[in-house]
Every structure is written in structure tokens, then in C-alpha cells.
Amino acid sequence: MHTLKYLTAYPEPLRAQVSQLIDQDRLGDTLRRRYPDAHGIRTDGALYGYVQDLKGEYLRQAAPVSKVAFDSKIGVVQHALGLHTAISRVQGGRLKAKHEIRIASLFRDAPLPFLRMIAVHELAHLKEKDHDKAFYKLCCWMEPDYHQLEFDVRLYLTWLDLSGERLW
């Protein structure tokens, strides 16, 4: 049995299926078949536009996002796939917060559903700070396949750990 550090919270029968795919050297092919193409969002400006479109569609009343960028340090330092930060500053007599979203540069060359899942996750933090039931309900409202996409991203991370080879 392989060490599946990204899948520890999943049931044993599911982890056994993943181990079987790994043993048969079919995990990468399975992911490529399910997600054949990488997205075309390559720049921080395009990423900002993409996230703003999602925010405009689902979270119009939420606080504005001032910056969205790919970040090559995420994953190595924070052990995360994306980060939502709020930087507070005093302006006059008021406290203002600027919200920033950073997405691991690993997702620059990933399928669009993976990028969407990460963006939806980080946008959900504008409304819900904790990873609780309300947070995941909001994620599923913005992306109905959220849980499947999260699992598939974890499969991809497992593939990267085992092979060191990007699929897209």
C-alpha cells in the first residue's frame, strides 16, 4: 500500500482503489483522460479577470478582491494550494481591509476545473473564514462538482509526488 498523504481523510476502500491505479501505472492516464487539456490562463491579469468574473456571478455583495496572482512559493512554504489574505490598514479614522488571493503556480498548467475549484475555495473565504459546513455549502453552490474536483486535485498531487511529472 502506498503512502497517500493527500488522501488520508478518505475511506480505506477508496484509497485501495487509488493504490491499485498506482500499481497498474494508470493514475496519470486516468487523470489525463478525465481532464485532457490545460486552461489558457497564464498571466496574473488573466487570473484576476477570471476570479473577478466568478466573484461577480456568485458573490457580488462580498468584499472586493484587490489582487489575484499565481504564486510560486505556495505549496513549498505554506503547504497550501491557494491563500486568501486580508491586509488591514488604517485610513483616516477607519480600518480598511484589502483582500488578496494567491494561487499556487502549479495550477498555471492545470485543467480549468482544477483552477476553478481553487478559485471557488479562496472566494468562499470572503464570506466564511472557517472550513465548516457553511463554507463547503457555499463552495458547492459556486461549483456543484466541488468535492469531486477537490478529490481529483488530491489525486493529481499524489501523482506529482510519486512521479514528479506534470500531466499538462
Protein backbone atom coordinates (compact mmCIF):
# COMPACT_ATOMS: atom_id res chain seq x y z
CA MET A 1 0.00 0.00 0.00
CA HIS A 2 1.30 3.43 -0.93
CA THR A 3 1.53 6.37 1.43
CA LEU A 4 -1.30 8.58 0.21
CA LYS A 5 -0.75 11.70 2.32
CA TYR A 6 -3.25 13.79 0.35
CA LEU A 7 -5.98 11.17 0.77
CA THR A 8 -5.74 10.27 4.47
CA ALA A 9 -9.25 11.57 5.27
CA TYR A 10 -10.87 9.37 2.63
CA PRO A 11 -12.24 5.86 3.33
CA GLU A 12 -9.92 2.87 3.05
CA PRO A 13 -11.72 1.25 0.06
CA LEU A 14 -11.24 4.45 -1.95
CA ARG A 15 -7.55 4.66 -1.01
CA ALA A 16 -7.20 1.00 -2.04
CA GLN A 17 -8.64 1.84 -5.48
CA VAL A 18 -6.12 4.67 -5.84
CA SER A 19 -3.29 2.35 -4.79
CA GLN A 20 -4.43 -0.14 -7.40
CA LEU A 21 -4.34 2.58 -10.10
CA ILE A 22 -0.82 3.48 -8.98
CA ASP A 23 0.31 -0.16 -9.00
CA GLN A 24 -1.07 -0.59 -12.52
CA ASP A 25 0.59 2.70 -13.59
CA ARG A 26 -2.82 4.08 -14.64
CA LEU A 27 -3.29 7.08 -12.32
CA GLY A 28 -1.78 9.62 -14.72
CA ASP A 29 -3.69 8.22 -17.70
CA THR A 30 -6.94 8.28 -15.74
CA LEU A 31 -6.46 11.95 -14.86
CA ARG A 32 -5.44 12.85 -18.43
CA ARG A 33 -8.50 11.09 -19.82
CA ARG A 34 -10.81 12.88 -17.39
CA TYR A 35 -9.15 16.28 -17.91
CA PRO A 36 -7.50 16.28 -21.36
CA ASP A 37 -6.48 19.94 -21.62
CA ALA A 38 -4.84 22.67 -19.58
CA HIS A 39 -6.55 26.06 -19.36
CA GLY A 40 -5.23 29.13 -21.17
CA ILE A 41 -4.98 31.46 -18.16
CA ARG A 42 -1.25 32.21 -18.00
CA THR A 43 -0.89 35.71 -16.59
CA ASP A 44 -1.84 37.25 -13.26
CA GLY A 45 -4.05 39.73 -15.13
CA ALA A 46 -6.00 36.94 -16.82
CA LEU A 47 -6.29 35.12 -13.49
CA TYR A 48 -7.59 38.30 -11.83
CA GLY A 49 -10.23 38.65 -14.56
CA TYR A 50 -11.26 35.02 -14.21
CA VAL A 51 -11.65 35.26 -10.42
CA GLN A 52 -13.48 38.59 -10.69
CA ASP A 53 -15.96 37.00 -13.13
CA LEU A 54 -16.62 34.19 -10.64
CA LYS A 55 -17.00 36.70 -7.81
CA GLY A 56 -19.37 38.83 -9.89
CA GLU A 57 -21.51 35.82 -10.68
CA TYR A 58 -21.77 34.39 -7.17
CA LEU A 59 -20.54 36.85 -4.54
CA ARG A 60 -21.45 40.35 -5.72
CA GLN A 61 -22.07 41.61 -2.19
CA ALA A 62 -18.80 40.26 -0.78
CA ALA A 63 -15.82 42.47 -0.08
CA PRO A 64 -13.78 43.43 -3.15
CA VAL A 65 -10.64 41.49 -4.05
CA SER A 66 -7.75 43.82 -4.77
CA LYS A 67 -5.20 41.30 -6.06
CA VAL A 68 -5.20 37.82 -7.55
CA ALA A 69 -1.95 36.19 -8.61
CA PHE A 70 -0.14 32.94 -9.23
CA ASP A 71 2.45 32.41 -6.50
CA SER A 72 5.41 30.06 -6.90
CA LYS A 73 6.09 29.99 -3.14
CA ILE A 74 2.74 28.49 -2.19
CA GLY A 75 2.94 24.77 -1.58
CA VAL A 76 6.56 24.87 -0.52
CA VAL A 77 6.18 27.33 2.34
CA GLN A 78 2.53 27.18 3.43
CA HIS A 79 1.63 23.63 2.34
CA ALA A 80 -1.43 25.06 0.62
CA LEU A 81 -2.85 25.31 -2.89
CA GLY A 82 -4.14 28.83 -2.54
CA LEU A 83 -4.23 31.59 0.04
CA HIS A 84 -6.75 34.26 0.91
CA THR A 85 -5.31 37.10 2.94
CA ALA A 86 -6.83 40.28 4.30
CA ILE A 87 -4.38 43.09 4.87
CA SER A 88 -5.76 45.68 7.29
CA ARG A 89 -4.70 49.31 7.11
CA VAL A 90 -5.83 52.42 8.92
CA GLN A 91 -7.12 55.09 6.56
CA GLY A 92 -8.20 58.17 8.42
CA GLY A 93 -10.31 57.01 11.32
CA ARG A 94 -11.32 53.76 9.65
CA LEU A 95 -9.81 50.34 9.36
CA LYS A 96 -9.81 49.09 5.75
CA ALA A 97 -9.07 45.53 4.66
CA LYS A 98 -7.65 44.65 1.26
CA HIS A 99 -8.33 41.06 0.22
CA GLU A 100 -5.78 39.18 -1.85
CA ILE A 101 -5.96 35.73 -3.38
CA ARG A 102 -2.84 33.81 -4.31
CA ILE A 103 -2.99 30.53 -6.20
CA ALA A 104 -0.10 28.07 -6.38
CA SER A 105 1.72 28.41 -9.71
CA LEU A 106 1.28 24.64 -10.08
CA PHE A 107 -2.23 25.49 -11.33
CA ARG A 108 -0.94 27.68 -14.16
CA ASP A 109 -0.61 24.46 -16.19
CA ALA A 110 -3.62 22.54 -14.91
CA PRO A 111 -7.11 21.89 -16.28
CA LEU A 112 -9.63 24.69 -15.89
CA PRO A 113 -11.82 22.71 -13.43
CA PHE A 114 -8.83 22.44 -11.04
CA LEU A 115 -8.21 26.19 -11.23
CA ARG A 116 -11.91 26.87 -10.76
CA MET A 117 -12.02 24.66 -7.65
CA ILE A 118 -9.11 26.55 -6.07
CA ALA A 119 -10.58 29.94 -7.03
CA VAL A 120 -14.00 28.99 -5.63
CA HIS A 121 -12.37 27.78 -2.41
CA GLU A 122 -10.49 31.04 -1.92
CA LEU A 123 -13.51 33.18 -2.86
CA ALA A 124 -15.62 31.31 -0.31
CA HIS A 125 -13.25 32.62 2.36
CA LEU A 126 -14.56 36.13 1.65
CA LYS A 127 -17.82 35.06 3.32
CA GLU A 128 -16.83 32.11 5.51
CA LYS A 129 -13.49 32.10 7.33
CA ASP A 130 -13.54 28.54 8.68
CA HIS A 131 -13.73 25.26 6.81
CA ASP A 132 -17.11 24.38 8.24
CA LYS A 133 -20.44 23.19 6.86
CA ALA A 134 -21.44 26.69 5.70
CA PHE A 135 -18.10 27.10 3.89
CA TYR A 136 -18.46 23.86 1.92
CA LYS A 137 -22.12 24.61 1.18
CA LEU A 138 -21.01 27.91 -0.37
CA CYS A 139 -18.27 26.14 -2.36
CA CYS A 140 -20.80 23.62 -3.69
CA TRP A 141 -23.21 26.40 -4.62
CA MET A 142 -20.50 28.09 -6.73
CA GLU A 143 -19.17 24.77 -8.11
CA PRO A 144 -21.59 21.82 -7.86
CA ASP A 145 -18.75 19.31 -8.52
CA TYR A 146 -16.56 20.87 -5.84
CA HIS A 147 -15.96 17.71 -3.81
CA GLN A 148 -15.13 15.59 -6.87
CA LEU A 149 -12.74 18.27 -8.12
CA GLU A 150 -11.08 18.50 -4.72
CA PHE A 151 -10.57 14.73 -4.74
CA ASP A 152 -9.18 14.84 -8.30
CA VAL A 153 -6.76 17.63 -7.33
CA ARG A 154 -5.60 15.42 -4.46
CA LEU A 155 -5.11 12.58 -6.96
CA TYR A 156 -3.02 14.91 -9.11
CA LEU A 157 -0.91 15.95 -6.13
CA THR A 158 -0.39 12.25 -5.34
CA TRP A 159 0.68 11.69 -8.96
CA LEU A 160 3.14 14.59 -8.72
CA ASP A 161 4.62 13.23 -5.50
CA LEU A 162 5.08 9.75 -6.94
CA SER A 163 6.26 10.61 -10.45
CA GLY A 164 7.50 14.20 -10.30
CA GLU A 165 5.96 14.60 -13.75
CA ARG A 166 3.31 17.18 -14.62
CA LEU A 167 0.48 15.91 -16.79
CA TRP A 168 -0.33 19.12 -18.63
